[in-house]
N, C-alpha and C. Protein backbone atom coordinates (compact mmCIF):
# COMPACT_ATOMS: atom_id res chain seq x y z
N MET A 1 40.94 29.99 -27.10
CA MET A 1 40.23 29.94 -25.81
C MET A 1 40.58 31.19 -25.00
N ASN A 2 39.59 32.03 -24.75
CA ASN A 2 39.82 33.27 -24.01
C ASN A 2 39.78 32.99 -22.51
N LEU A 3 40.94 33.10 -21.87
CA LEU A 3 41.03 32.82 -20.45
C LEU A 3 40.91 34.08 -19.60
N LEU A 4 41.24 35.23 -20.18
CA LEU A 4 41.37 36.45 -19.40
C LEU A 4 40.07 36.88 -18.73
N ASP A 5 38.94 36.64 -19.39
CA ASP A 5 37.67 37.10 -18.85
C ASP A 5 36.91 36.01 -18.11
N GLN A 6 37.52 34.85 -17.97
CA GLN A 6 36.92 33.80 -17.15
C GLN A 6 37.32 34.02 -15.70
N SER A 7 36.47 33.60 -14.78
CA SER A 7 36.78 33.78 -13.36
C SER A 7 37.86 32.80 -12.93
N LEU A 8 38.56 33.16 -11.85
CA LEU A 8 39.59 32.27 -11.32
C LEU A 8 38.98 30.94 -10.91
N GLY A 9 37.77 30.98 -10.35
CA GLY A 9 37.11 29.75 -9.95
C GLY A 9 36.83 28.83 -11.13
N GLU A 10 36.36 29.41 -12.23
CA GLU A 10 36.08 28.62 -13.43
C GLU A 10 37.36 28.00 -13.97
N LEU A 11 38.42 28.79 -14.02
CA LEU A 11 39.69 28.28 -14.54
C LEU A 11 40.25 27.18 -13.64
N ALA A 12 40.16 27.39 -12.33
CA ALA A 12 40.65 26.37 -11.39
C ALA A 12 39.85 25.09 -11.54
N ARG A 13 38.58 25.21 -11.86
CA ARG A 13 37.71 24.05 -12.02
C ARG A 13 37.97 23.33 -13.33
N ASP A 14 38.28 24.08 -14.39
CA ASP A 14 38.33 23.50 -15.73
C ASP A 14 39.72 23.10 -16.20
N ILE A 15 40.77 23.64 -15.57
CA ILE A 15 42.14 23.35 -16.03
C ILE A 15 42.91 22.65 -14.92
N PRO A 16 43.17 21.35 -15.07
CA PRO A 16 43.98 20.66 -14.06
C PRO A 16 45.35 21.32 -13.95
N GLY A 17 45.74 21.66 -12.75
CA GLY A 17 47.02 22.32 -12.55
C GLY A 17 46.93 23.83 -12.47
N ALA A 18 45.75 24.40 -12.75
CA ALA A 18 45.61 25.86 -12.70
C ALA A 18 45.81 26.39 -11.28
N THR A 19 45.39 25.61 -10.30
CA THR A 19 45.53 26.09 -8.92
C THR A 19 47.00 26.28 -8.56
N ARG A 20 47.87 25.44 -9.10
CA ARG A 20 49.30 25.59 -8.84
C ARG A 20 49.81 26.92 -9.40
N VAL A 21 49.34 27.26 -10.60
CA VAL A 21 49.73 28.53 -11.23
C VAL A 21 49.24 29.70 -10.38
N PHE A 22 48.01 29.63 -9.92
CA PHE A 22 47.46 30.72 -9.12
C PHE A 22 48.20 30.86 -7.80
N ASN A 23 48.57 29.73 -7.19
CA ASN A 23 49.34 29.79 -5.95
C ASN A 23 50.68 30.48 -6.17
N GLU A 24 51.32 30.20 -7.29
CA GLU A 24 52.61 30.80 -7.59
C GLU A 24 52.51 32.32 -7.68
N HIS A 25 51.38 32.81 -8.12
CA HIS A 25 51.20 34.25 -8.30
C HIS A 25 50.40 34.90 -7.17
N GLY A 26 50.04 34.11 -6.16
CA GLY A 26 49.31 34.68 -5.03
C GLY A 26 47.89 35.09 -5.37
N LEU A 27 47.24 34.39 -6.31
CA LEU A 27 45.88 34.72 -6.72
C LEU A 27 44.89 33.83 -5.97
N ASP A 28 43.88 34.44 -5.38
CA ASP A 28 42.90 33.73 -4.57
C ASP A 28 41.80 33.16 -5.46
N PHE A 29 41.88 31.86 -5.70
CA PHE A 29 40.92 31.20 -6.60
C PHE A 29 39.80 30.52 -5.83
N CYS A 30 39.85 30.55 -4.50
CA CYS A 30 38.79 29.89 -3.73
C CYS A 30 37.76 30.90 -3.27
N CYS A 31 38.08 31.66 -2.22
CA CYS A 31 37.11 32.65 -1.74
C CYS A 31 36.95 33.81 -2.72
N GLY A 32 38.02 34.14 -3.45
CA GLY A 32 37.96 35.20 -4.45
C GLY A 32 37.77 34.67 -5.86
N GLY A 33 37.17 33.49 -5.97
CA GLY A 33 37.10 32.81 -7.25
C GLY A 33 36.16 33.41 -8.27
N ASN A 34 35.35 34.40 -7.86
CA ASN A 34 34.41 35.00 -8.82
C ASN A 34 35.02 36.16 -9.60
N VAL A 35 36.28 36.47 -9.36
CA VAL A 35 36.96 37.57 -10.05
C VAL A 35 37.62 37.05 -11.31
N SER A 36 37.56 37.80 -12.39
CA SER A 36 38.17 37.37 -13.64
C SER A 36 39.69 37.35 -13.53
N LEU A 37 40.33 36.55 -14.36
CA LEU A 37 41.79 36.49 -14.37
C LEU A 37 42.36 37.87 -14.68
N ARG A 38 41.77 38.57 -15.64
CA ARG A 38 42.26 39.90 -16.01
C ARG A 38 42.21 40.85 -14.81
N ALA A 39 41.08 40.87 -14.12
CA ALA A 39 40.93 41.79 -13.00
C ALA A 39 41.82 41.41 -11.83
N ALA A 40 41.90 40.10 -11.53
CA ALA A 40 42.70 39.66 -10.39
C ALA A 40 44.18 39.96 -10.61
N ALA A 41 44.66 39.73 -11.83
CA ALA A 41 46.07 40.01 -12.13
C ALA A 41 46.34 41.50 -12.08
N THR A 42 45.42 42.29 -12.60
CA THR A 42 45.61 43.74 -12.61
C THR A 42 45.67 44.29 -11.19
N ILE A 43 44.82 43.78 -10.31
CA ILE A 43 44.81 44.24 -8.91
C ILE A 43 46.18 44.01 -8.26
N LYS A 44 46.82 42.89 -8.60
CA LYS A 44 48.12 42.56 -8.01
C LYS A 44 49.29 43.07 -8.84
N ASP A 45 49.00 43.87 -9.86
CA ASP A 45 50.04 44.42 -10.72
C ASP A 45 50.84 43.32 -11.41
N LEU A 46 50.14 42.29 -11.87
CA LEU A 46 50.74 41.18 -12.60
C LEU A 46 50.34 41.29 -14.07
N ASP A 47 51.03 40.56 -14.92
CA ASP A 47 50.74 40.55 -16.35
C ASP A 47 49.70 39.47 -16.64
N PRO A 48 48.46 39.82 -16.90
CA PRO A 48 47.43 38.80 -17.11
C PRO A 48 47.70 37.95 -18.34
N ASP A 49 48.29 38.53 -19.38
CA ASP A 49 48.58 37.75 -20.58
C ASP A 49 49.62 36.68 -20.31
N ALA A 50 50.62 37.00 -19.49
CA ALA A 50 51.65 36.02 -19.15
C ALA A 50 51.05 34.86 -18.35
N ILE A 51 50.14 35.19 -17.43
CA ILE A 51 49.51 34.13 -16.64
C ILE A 51 48.62 33.27 -17.53
N ALA A 52 47.88 33.91 -18.44
CA ALA A 52 47.03 33.16 -19.37
C ALA A 52 47.87 32.22 -20.23
N LYS A 53 49.03 32.69 -20.67
CA LYS A 53 49.92 31.85 -21.47
C LYS A 53 50.40 30.65 -20.66
N HIS A 54 50.72 30.89 -19.38
CA HIS A 54 51.15 29.80 -18.50
C HIS A 54 50.02 28.78 -18.35
N LEU A 55 48.79 29.25 -18.21
CA LEU A 55 47.65 28.35 -18.09
C LEU A 55 47.45 27.53 -19.36
N GLN A 56 47.66 28.16 -20.51
CA GLN A 56 47.55 27.43 -21.78
C GLN A 56 48.58 26.32 -21.83
N GLN A 57 49.78 26.59 -21.34
CA GLN A 57 50.84 25.57 -21.32
C GLN A 57 50.46 24.42 -20.39
N VAL A 58 49.91 24.77 -19.24
CA VAL A 58 49.48 23.74 -18.29
C VAL A 58 48.37 22.89 -18.90
N LEU A 59 47.43 23.55 -19.58
CA LEU A 59 46.32 22.83 -20.21
C LEU A 59 46.84 21.88 -21.28
N ALA A 60 47.81 22.35 -22.09
CA ALA A 60 48.36 21.51 -23.15
C ALA A 60 49.09 20.30 -22.59
N ALA A 61 49.67 20.45 -21.38
CA ALA A 61 50.47 19.38 -20.79
C ALA A 61 49.63 18.42 -19.95
N ALA A 62 48.35 18.73 -19.75
CA ALA A 62 47.50 17.89 -18.91
C ALA A 62 47.39 16.49 -19.52
N THR A 63 47.36 15.50 -18.66
CA THR A 63 47.27 14.11 -19.10
C THR A 63 45.93 13.52 -18.69
N PRO A 64 45.51 12.42 -19.35
CA PRO A 64 44.26 11.78 -18.96
C PRO A 64 44.25 11.30 -17.51
N ALA A 65 45.45 11.17 -16.92
CA ALA A 65 45.53 10.70 -15.54
C ALA A 65 45.06 11.75 -14.54
N ASP A 66 45.02 13.01 -14.98
CA ASP A 66 44.55 14.06 -14.09
C ASP A 66 43.04 13.90 -13.85
N ARG A 67 42.63 13.74 -12.62
CA ARG A 67 41.23 13.47 -12.31
C ARG A 67 40.40 14.72 -12.55
N ASP A 68 39.33 14.57 -13.31
CA ASP A 68 38.40 15.66 -13.55
C ASP A 68 37.30 15.57 -12.52
N TRP A 69 37.42 16.36 -11.44
CA TRP A 69 36.43 16.27 -10.38
C TRP A 69 35.09 16.84 -10.78
N ASN A 70 35.04 17.62 -11.86
CA ASN A 70 33.75 18.11 -12.35
C ASN A 70 32.83 16.96 -12.73
N ALA A 71 33.43 15.91 -13.28
CA ALA A 71 32.63 14.80 -13.78
C ALA A 71 32.46 13.68 -12.75
N ALA A 72 33.06 13.83 -11.58
CA ALA A 72 33.00 12.78 -10.57
C ALA A 72 31.65 12.79 -9.85
N PRO A 73 31.14 11.64 -9.46
CA PRO A 73 29.93 11.62 -8.64
C PRO A 73 30.17 12.36 -7.32
N PRO A 74 29.15 13.02 -6.78
CA PRO A 74 29.34 13.76 -5.53
C PRO A 74 29.93 12.90 -4.41
N ALA A 75 29.53 11.65 -4.34
CA ALA A 75 30.03 10.78 -3.26
C ALA A 75 31.54 10.59 -3.38
N ASP A 76 32.04 10.48 -4.61
CA ASP A 76 33.49 10.32 -4.80
C ASP A 76 34.24 11.57 -4.38
N LEU A 77 33.70 12.73 -4.76
CA LEU A 77 34.37 13.98 -4.41
C LEU A 77 34.33 14.21 -2.90
N VAL A 78 33.23 13.89 -2.28
CA VAL A 78 33.12 14.02 -0.82
C VAL A 78 34.16 13.14 -0.14
N GLU A 79 34.28 11.91 -0.59
CA GLU A 79 35.27 11.00 0.00
C GLU A 79 36.69 11.54 -0.17
N HIS A 80 36.97 12.09 -1.34
CA HIS A 80 38.29 12.67 -1.61
C HIS A 80 38.56 13.87 -0.69
N ILE A 81 37.59 14.74 -0.55
CA ILE A 81 37.76 15.93 0.28
C ILE A 81 38.04 15.54 1.74
N VAL A 82 37.28 14.58 2.24
CA VAL A 82 37.47 14.18 3.64
C VAL A 82 38.83 13.53 3.85
N SER A 83 39.20 12.59 2.97
CA SER A 83 40.45 11.86 3.18
C SER A 83 41.67 12.70 2.85
N ARG A 84 41.58 13.52 1.81
CA ARG A 84 42.76 14.30 1.39
C ARG A 84 42.91 15.60 2.17
N TYR A 85 41.81 16.25 2.55
CA TYR A 85 41.90 17.56 3.17
C TYR A 85 41.46 17.60 4.63
N HIS A 86 40.28 17.08 4.95
CA HIS A 86 39.85 17.12 6.34
C HIS A 86 40.84 16.38 7.25
N ASP A 87 41.17 15.15 6.88
CA ASP A 87 42.10 14.38 7.70
C ASP A 87 43.47 15.04 7.76
N THR A 88 43.89 15.64 6.65
CA THR A 88 45.20 16.31 6.61
C THR A 88 45.22 17.53 7.52
N HIS A 89 44.17 18.35 7.47
CA HIS A 89 44.14 19.54 8.32
C HIS A 89 44.16 19.16 9.81
N ARG A 90 43.52 18.05 10.15
CA ARG A 90 43.51 17.61 11.55
C ARG A 90 44.90 17.17 12.01
N GLU A 91 45.73 16.79 11.08
CA GLU A 91 47.12 16.47 11.42
C GLU A 91 48.00 17.71 11.41
N GLN A 92 47.75 18.60 10.45
CA GLN A 92 48.61 19.78 10.27
C GLN A 92 48.52 20.75 11.45
N LEU A 93 47.32 21.11 11.84
CA LEU A 93 47.14 22.26 12.72
C LEU A 93 47.70 22.09 14.12
N PRO A 94 47.52 20.95 14.79
CA PRO A 94 48.12 20.84 16.13
C PRO A 94 49.64 20.99 16.11
N GLU A 95 50.29 20.44 15.10
CA GLU A 95 51.74 20.56 15.00
C GLU A 95 52.16 21.99 14.69
N LEU A 96 51.39 22.69 13.85
CA LEU A 96 51.71 24.08 13.55
C LEU A 96 51.54 24.96 14.80
N VAL A 97 50.54 24.69 15.60
CA VAL A 97 50.37 25.43 16.86
C VAL A 97 51.59 25.20 17.76
N ARG A 98 52.01 23.94 17.86
CA ARG A 98 53.16 23.62 18.70
C ARG A 98 54.42 24.34 18.21
N LEU A 99 54.66 24.31 16.91
CA LEU A 99 55.84 24.98 16.35
C LEU A 99 55.78 26.49 16.56
N ALA A 100 54.60 27.07 16.35
CA ALA A 100 54.46 28.52 16.51
C ALA A 100 54.71 28.93 17.97
N ARG A 101 54.20 28.14 18.91
CA ARG A 101 54.45 28.43 20.33
C ARG A 101 55.95 28.39 20.62
N ARG A 102 56.64 27.40 20.05
CA ARG A 102 58.08 27.26 20.29
C ARG A 102 58.84 28.46 19.72
N VAL A 103 58.49 28.85 18.50
CA VAL A 103 59.17 29.99 17.87
C VAL A 103 58.94 31.26 18.69
N GLU A 104 57.71 31.47 19.13
CA GLU A 104 57.41 32.67 19.90
C GLU A 104 58.13 32.68 21.25
N SER A 105 58.26 31.50 21.88
CA SER A 105 58.91 31.45 23.19
C SER A 105 60.41 31.69 23.09
N VAL A 106 61.02 31.26 21.98
CA VAL A 106 62.47 31.38 21.83
C VAL A 106 62.87 32.68 21.14
N HIS A 107 62.07 33.13 20.18
CA HIS A 107 62.47 34.27 19.34
C HIS A 107 61.52 35.46 19.47
N GLY A 108 60.74 35.51 20.54
CA GLY A 108 59.75 36.57 20.70
C GLY A 108 60.32 37.97 20.74
N ASP A 109 61.63 38.07 21.02
CA ASP A 109 62.24 39.40 21.09
C ASP A 109 62.69 39.92 19.74
N LYS A 110 62.61 39.09 18.71
CA LYS A 110 63.03 39.50 17.37
C LYS A 110 61.89 40.20 16.64
N ALA A 111 62.22 41.21 15.87
CA ALA A 111 61.19 41.98 15.15
C ALA A 111 60.42 41.12 14.17
N GLU A 112 61.09 40.12 13.57
CA GLU A 112 60.46 39.29 12.54
C GLU A 112 59.58 38.19 13.13
N CYS A 113 59.63 38.00 14.45
CA CYS A 113 58.87 36.91 15.05
C CYS A 113 57.37 37.14 14.90
N PRO A 114 56.64 36.14 14.43
CA PRO A 114 55.19 36.30 14.24
C PRO A 114 54.43 36.14 15.56
N ARG A 115 54.55 37.12 16.42
CA ARG A 115 53.89 37.05 17.73
C ARG A 115 52.37 37.07 17.54
N GLY A 116 51.70 36.17 18.22
CA GLY A 116 50.26 36.01 18.09
C GLY A 116 49.86 34.95 17.08
N LEU A 117 50.82 34.41 16.35
CA LEU A 117 50.50 33.41 15.32
C LEU A 117 49.93 32.14 15.94
N ALA A 118 50.51 31.70 17.06
CA ALA A 118 50.01 30.47 17.69
C ALA A 118 48.55 30.62 18.09
N ASP A 119 48.20 31.80 18.64
CA ASP A 119 46.80 32.03 19.02
C ASP A 119 45.89 32.01 17.79
N LEU A 120 46.35 32.61 16.70
CA LEU A 120 45.56 32.59 15.47
C LEU A 120 45.39 31.17 14.96
N LEU A 121 46.45 30.38 15.00
CA LEU A 121 46.36 29.00 14.52
C LEU A 121 45.41 28.17 15.39
N GLU A 122 45.36 28.46 16.68
CA GLU A 122 44.41 27.76 17.54
C GLU A 122 42.97 28.13 17.16
N ILE A 123 42.75 29.40 16.84
CA ILE A 123 41.42 29.83 16.39
C ILE A 123 41.05 29.13 15.09
N ILE A 124 42.02 29.09 14.15
CA ILE A 124 41.78 28.41 12.87
C ILE A 124 41.45 26.94 13.12
N GLN A 125 42.20 26.30 14.00
CA GLN A 125 41.96 24.89 14.29
C GLN A 125 40.55 24.67 14.84
N GLU A 126 40.14 25.50 15.79
CA GLU A 126 38.80 25.36 16.37
C GLU A 126 37.71 25.61 15.35
N GLU A 127 37.86 26.67 14.57
CA GLU A 127 36.84 27.00 13.57
C GLU A 127 36.75 25.93 12.49
N MET A 128 37.91 25.42 12.07
CA MET A 128 37.89 24.42 11.01
C MET A 128 37.33 23.09 11.50
N GLU A 129 37.63 22.73 12.74
CA GLU A 129 37.09 21.47 13.27
C GLU A 129 35.57 21.54 13.33
N SER A 130 35.04 22.66 13.83
CA SER A 130 33.58 22.84 13.85
C SER A 130 33.01 22.79 12.44
N HIS A 131 33.66 23.47 11.52
CA HIS A 131 33.22 23.53 10.12
C HIS A 131 33.22 22.13 9.49
N MET A 132 34.31 21.41 9.67
CA MET A 132 34.42 20.09 9.03
C MET A 132 33.43 19.10 9.62
N GLN A 133 33.18 19.19 10.92
CA GLN A 133 32.20 18.30 11.52
C GLN A 133 30.80 18.55 10.96
N LYS A 134 30.45 19.82 10.77
CA LYS A 134 29.13 20.13 10.18
C LYS A 134 29.03 19.57 8.77
N GLU A 135 30.11 19.67 8.01
CA GLU A 135 30.10 19.11 6.66
C GLU A 135 29.95 17.59 6.70
N GLU A 136 30.76 16.95 7.53
CA GLU A 136 30.78 15.49 7.56
C GLU A 136 29.48 14.90 8.12
N GLN A 137 28.86 15.60 9.07
CA GLN A 137 27.69 15.05 9.73
C GLN A 137 26.37 15.45 9.07
N ILE A 138 26.37 16.59 8.39
CA ILE A 138 25.10 17.10 7.85
C ILE A 138 25.13 17.26 6.33
N LEU A 139 26.04 18.12 5.84
CA LEU A 139 25.99 18.50 4.43
C LEU A 139 26.48 17.40 3.51
N PHE A 140 27.63 16.83 3.80
CA PHE A 140 28.20 15.84 2.88
C PHE A 140 27.30 14.62 2.68
N PRO A 141 26.69 14.08 3.73
CA PRO A 141 25.77 12.95 3.49
C PRO A 141 24.61 13.33 2.57
N MET A 142 24.12 14.56 2.68
CA MET A 142 23.04 15.01 1.79
C MET A 142 23.52 15.04 0.35
N LEU A 143 24.69 15.60 0.11
CA LEU A 143 25.20 15.72 -1.25
C LEU A 143 25.57 14.36 -1.82
N ALA A 144 26.20 13.52 -1.01
CA ALA A 144 26.63 12.20 -1.49
C ALA A 144 25.45 11.33 -1.88
N SER A 145 24.30 11.54 -1.23
CA SER A 145 23.11 10.74 -1.54
C SER A 145 22.23 11.39 -2.59
N GLY A 146 22.71 12.49 -3.19
CA GLY A 146 21.97 13.11 -4.29
C GLY A 146 20.87 14.04 -3.87
N HIS A 147 20.92 14.56 -2.64
CA HIS A 147 19.87 15.46 -2.16
C HIS A 147 20.35 16.91 -2.16
N GLY A 148 21.01 17.30 -3.23
CA GLY A 148 21.50 18.67 -3.33
C GLY A 148 20.39 19.70 -3.30
N ALA A 149 19.18 19.33 -3.73
CA ALA A 149 18.06 20.27 -3.75
C ALA A 149 17.67 20.71 -2.34
N MET A 150 18.05 19.92 -1.33
CA MET A 150 17.70 20.24 0.04
C MET A 150 18.85 20.95 0.77
N ALA A 151 19.95 21.19 0.06
CA ALA A 151 21.17 21.61 0.74
C ALA A 151 21.50 23.09 0.58
N ALA A 152 20.61 23.88 0.01
CA ALA A 152 20.95 25.29 -0.25
C ALA A 152 21.30 26.04 1.03
N GLY A 153 20.55 25.81 2.10
CA GLY A 153 20.82 26.50 3.36
C GLY A 153 22.17 26.14 3.95
N PRO A 154 22.45 24.84 4.15
CA PRO A 154 23.77 24.46 4.67
C PRO A 154 24.93 24.90 3.78
N ILE A 155 24.74 24.86 2.47
CA ILE A 155 25.80 25.31 1.56
C ILE A 155 26.09 26.79 1.76
N ALA A 156 25.05 27.60 1.92
CA ALA A 156 25.25 29.04 2.14
C ALA A 156 26.05 29.28 3.41
N VAL A 157 25.76 28.51 4.45
CA VAL A 157 26.51 28.64 5.71
C VAL A 157 27.97 28.27 5.51
N MET A 158 28.22 27.17 4.80
CA MET A 158 29.60 26.72 4.58
C MET A 158 30.37 27.73 3.74
N ARG A 159 29.71 28.34 2.76
CA ARG A 159 30.40 29.35 1.94
C ARG A 159 30.80 30.55 2.80
N ARG A 160 29.94 30.97 3.70
CA ARG A 160 30.28 32.10 4.57
C ARG A 160 31.47 31.74 5.47
N GLU A 161 31.47 30.51 5.95
CA GLU A 161 32.59 30.09 6.80
C GLU A 161 33.87 29.96 5.99
N HIS A 162 33.76 29.59 4.72
CA HIS A 162 34.94 29.57 3.86
C HIS A 162 35.54 30.98 3.72
N ASP A 163 34.67 31.96 3.61
CA ASP A 163 35.16 33.35 3.55
C ASP A 163 35.94 33.70 4.81
N GLN A 164 35.46 33.22 5.96
CA GLN A 164 36.18 33.46 7.21
C GLN A 164 37.54 32.77 7.20
N HIS A 165 37.59 31.56 6.65
CA HIS A 165 38.88 30.86 6.53
C HIS A 165 39.83 31.69 5.67
N GLY A 166 39.31 32.27 4.59
CA GLY A 166 40.14 33.10 3.73
C GLY A 166 40.67 34.32 4.46
N GLU A 167 39.83 34.93 5.31
CA GLU A 167 40.29 36.08 6.10
C GLU A 167 41.37 35.66 7.09
N ASN A 168 41.24 34.46 7.65
CA ASN A 168 42.27 33.96 8.57
C ASN A 168 43.60 33.75 7.84
N LEU A 169 43.54 33.24 6.62
CA LEU A 169 44.76 33.06 5.83
C LEU A 169 45.42 34.39 5.55
N GLN A 170 44.60 35.41 5.27
CA GLN A 170 45.15 36.73 5.01
C GLN A 170 45.82 37.29 6.26
N GLN A 171 45.20 37.08 7.41
CA GLN A 171 45.81 37.54 8.66
C GLN A 171 47.12 36.80 8.92
N MET A 172 47.14 35.51 8.62
CA MET A 172 48.36 34.72 8.77
C MET A 172 49.46 35.26 7.87
N ALA A 173 49.11 35.61 6.64
CA ALA A 173 50.10 36.17 5.71
C ALA A 173 50.63 37.50 6.21
N THR A 174 49.76 38.33 6.77
CA THR A 174 50.20 39.62 7.30
C THR A 174 51.18 39.44 8.45
N MET A 175 50.89 38.50 9.32
CA MET A 175 51.76 38.26 10.48
C MET A 175 53.14 37.75 10.09
N THR A 176 53.23 37.05 8.97
CA THR A 176 54.47 36.35 8.60
C THR A 176 55.16 36.94 7.38
N ASN A 177 54.78 38.19 7.01
CA ASN A 177 55.35 38.79 5.80
C ASN A 177 55.16 37.85 4.61
N ASP A 178 53.91 37.42 4.45
CA ASP A 178 53.53 36.47 3.39
C ASP A 178 54.34 35.18 3.49
N ILE A 179 54.50 34.70 4.72
CA ILE A 179 55.24 33.46 5.03
C ILE A 179 56.64 33.51 4.42
N THR A 180 57.32 34.61 4.67
CA THR A 180 58.70 34.80 4.20
C THR A 180 59.65 34.56 5.36
N LEU A 181 60.53 33.60 5.23
CA LEU A 181 61.42 33.21 6.31
C LEU A 181 62.56 34.21 6.46
N PRO A 182 62.80 34.72 7.68
CA PRO A 182 63.94 35.61 7.89
C PRO A 182 65.26 34.88 7.74
N ALA A 183 66.31 35.61 7.42
CA ALA A 183 67.60 35.00 7.13
C ALA A 183 68.15 34.22 8.31
N GLU A 184 67.90 34.69 9.54
CA GLU A 184 68.49 34.04 10.71
C GLU A 184 67.58 32.97 11.32
N ALA A 185 66.55 32.54 10.60
CA ALA A 185 65.57 31.60 11.15
C ALA A 185 66.22 30.25 11.50
N CYS A 186 65.77 29.68 12.62
CA CYS A 186 66.25 28.37 13.05
C CYS A 186 65.46 27.27 12.33
N ASN A 187 65.82 26.02 12.64
CA ASN A 187 65.15 24.89 11.99
C ASN A 187 63.67 24.83 12.35
N THR A 188 63.34 25.15 13.59
CA THR A 188 61.93 25.12 14.00
C THR A 188 61.13 26.16 13.24
N TRP A 189 61.70 27.36 13.10
CA TRP A 189 61.04 28.43 12.36
C TRP A 189 60.86 28.02 10.90
N SER A 190 61.88 27.41 10.34
CA SER A 190 61.81 26.95 8.95
C SER A 190 60.71 25.91 8.77
N ALA A 191 60.63 24.96 9.72
CA ALA A 191 59.60 23.92 9.65
C ALA A 191 58.21 24.53 9.78
N LEU A 192 58.09 25.54 10.65
CA LEU A 192 56.80 26.21 10.83
C LEU A 192 56.35 26.86 9.53
N TYR A 193 57.22 27.61 8.88
CA TYR A 193 56.81 28.33 7.68
C TYR A 193 56.57 27.37 6.50
N LEU A 194 57.33 26.29 6.43
CA LEU A 194 57.05 25.28 5.41
C LEU A 194 55.65 24.70 5.64
N GLY A 195 55.33 24.42 6.90
CA GLY A 195 54.00 23.90 7.21
C GLY A 195 52.90 24.89 6.92
N LEU A 196 53.16 26.18 7.17
CA LEU A 196 52.16 27.21 6.88
C LEU A 196 51.88 27.31 5.38
N ARG A 197 52.95 27.24 4.58
CA ARG A 197 52.75 27.30 3.13
C ARG A 197 51.94 26.10 2.65
N THR A 198 52.24 24.92 3.21
CA THR A 198 51.49 23.72 2.83
C THR A 198 50.03 23.83 3.24
N LEU A 199 49.81 24.33 4.47
CA LEU A 199 48.43 24.51 4.94
C LEU A 199 47.67 25.46 4.02
N ARG A 200 48.29 26.58 3.67
CA ARG A 200 47.62 27.56 2.81
C ARG A 200 47.27 26.94 1.46
N GLU A 201 48.20 26.24 0.84
CA GLU A 201 47.93 25.63 -0.46
C GLU A 201 46.84 24.58 -0.35
N ASP A 202 46.92 23.75 0.69
CA ASP A 202 45.91 22.69 0.87
C ASP A 202 44.53 23.29 1.12
N LEU A 203 44.47 24.31 1.98
CA LEU A 203 43.17 24.89 2.33
C LEU A 203 42.55 25.60 1.14
N MET A 204 43.35 26.28 0.33
CA MET A 204 42.80 26.95 -0.85
C MET A 204 42.29 25.93 -1.86
N GLU A 205 43.01 24.84 -2.04
CA GLU A 205 42.55 23.78 -2.95
C GLU A 205 41.29 23.13 -2.39
N HIS A 206 41.26 22.91 -1.11
CA HIS A 206 40.11 22.32 -0.42
C HIS A 206 38.85 23.18 -0.64
N ILE A 207 38.97 24.48 -0.36
CA ILE A 207 37.82 25.37 -0.52
C ILE A 207 37.40 25.47 -1.98
N HIS A 208 38.37 25.47 -2.89
CA HIS A 208 38.05 25.49 -4.32
C HIS A 208 37.19 24.28 -4.70
N LEU A 209 37.58 23.09 -4.27
CA LEU A 209 36.83 21.88 -4.64
C LEU A 209 35.39 21.96 -4.12
N GLU A 210 35.23 22.54 -2.95
CA GLU A 210 33.88 22.64 -2.39
C GLU A 210 33.08 23.76 -3.06
N ASN A 211 33.62 24.98 -3.04
CA ASN A 211 32.87 26.12 -3.57
C ASN A 211 32.59 25.99 -5.06
N ASN A 212 33.64 25.70 -5.83
CA ASN A 212 33.55 25.80 -7.29
C ASN A 212 33.11 24.52 -7.98
N ILE A 213 33.14 23.40 -7.27
CA ILE A 213 32.73 22.14 -7.90
C ILE A 213 31.59 21.47 -7.12
N LEU A 214 31.86 21.04 -5.89
CA LEU A 214 30.84 20.29 -5.15
C LEU A 214 29.58 21.12 -4.94
N PHE A 215 29.72 22.34 -4.41
CA PHE A 215 28.55 23.17 -4.14
C PHE A 215 27.93 23.69 -5.43
N ALA A 216 28.78 24.09 -6.39
CA ALA A 216 28.28 24.61 -7.66
C ALA A 216 27.49 23.55 -8.42
N ASN A 217 27.98 22.31 -8.40
CA ASN A 217 27.27 21.23 -9.08
C ASN A 217 25.94 20.93 -8.39
N ALA A 218 25.93 21.01 -7.07
CA ALA A 218 24.68 20.78 -6.34
C ALA A 218 23.66 21.85 -6.70
N ALA A 219 24.10 23.09 -6.81
CA ALA A 219 23.19 24.18 -7.16
C ALA A 219 22.68 24.02 -8.58
N ALA A 220 23.56 23.59 -9.48
CA ALA A 220 23.15 23.40 -10.88
C ALA A 220 22.16 22.29 -11.05
N ALA A 221 22.22 21.28 -10.15
CA ALA A 221 21.31 20.15 -10.23
C ALA A 221 19.98 20.42 -9.56
N THR A 222 19.89 21.56 -8.85
CA THR A 222 18.66 21.90 -8.15
C THR A 222 17.66 22.53 -9.11
N PRO A 223 16.45 21.99 -9.24
CA PRO A 223 15.45 22.59 -10.14
C PRO A 223 15.17 24.04 -9.75
N ALA A 224 14.97 24.88 -10.74
CA ALA A 224 14.77 26.32 -10.51
C ALA A 224 13.58 26.59 -9.60
N HIS A 225 12.56 25.74 -9.62
CA HIS A 225 11.37 25.97 -8.80
C HIS A 225 11.15 24.83 -7.83
N ALA A 226 12.29 24.28 -7.34
CA ALA A 226 12.18 23.18 -6.39
C ALA A 226 11.61 23.68 -5.07
């Protein structure tokens, strides 16, 4: 099985556990999911063969208990996305804003302090809430009821907004030295960065499920001359 020339999005969709491998190596499988494993690894100066070998090991270890969302009905995947990711983000972001404000107020004089992070997180929270409401109120009901042929316009809008989410994550990484905790960090700072890493992993998995599975399946089910 040649993995090197498959896109990150395809691999994330087809191999349960692949997203964990990509997260470990800092590979963007959601917004950058159309790039091949070979190209993505080369850009980051990583060994593509070593990553492919790791993916083969993950594939061999996969169990029947791993849910194959490719084969799930759209309604099931929509329900999973809302309960696992939308609801989670609504809990994560207000607390991350609070922690970031606290860190900035106490440690703002330190060079490593991510000044401006709280403002960025508030922007992310506002943009994501608007985005998730549009999905829950307009797009997801269409997809869950099997009307993917009517959803091309809303899907295109959601994909563009996903790209913006990816840019926000990149800005967050720049502000925090790729979410690297300084040696003298306090407990609040540690909790903030742990939460940021969790948010990043959750959001990338969330966007992957939508872009590479839910939206891709809807497009595939749409007649060419509908």
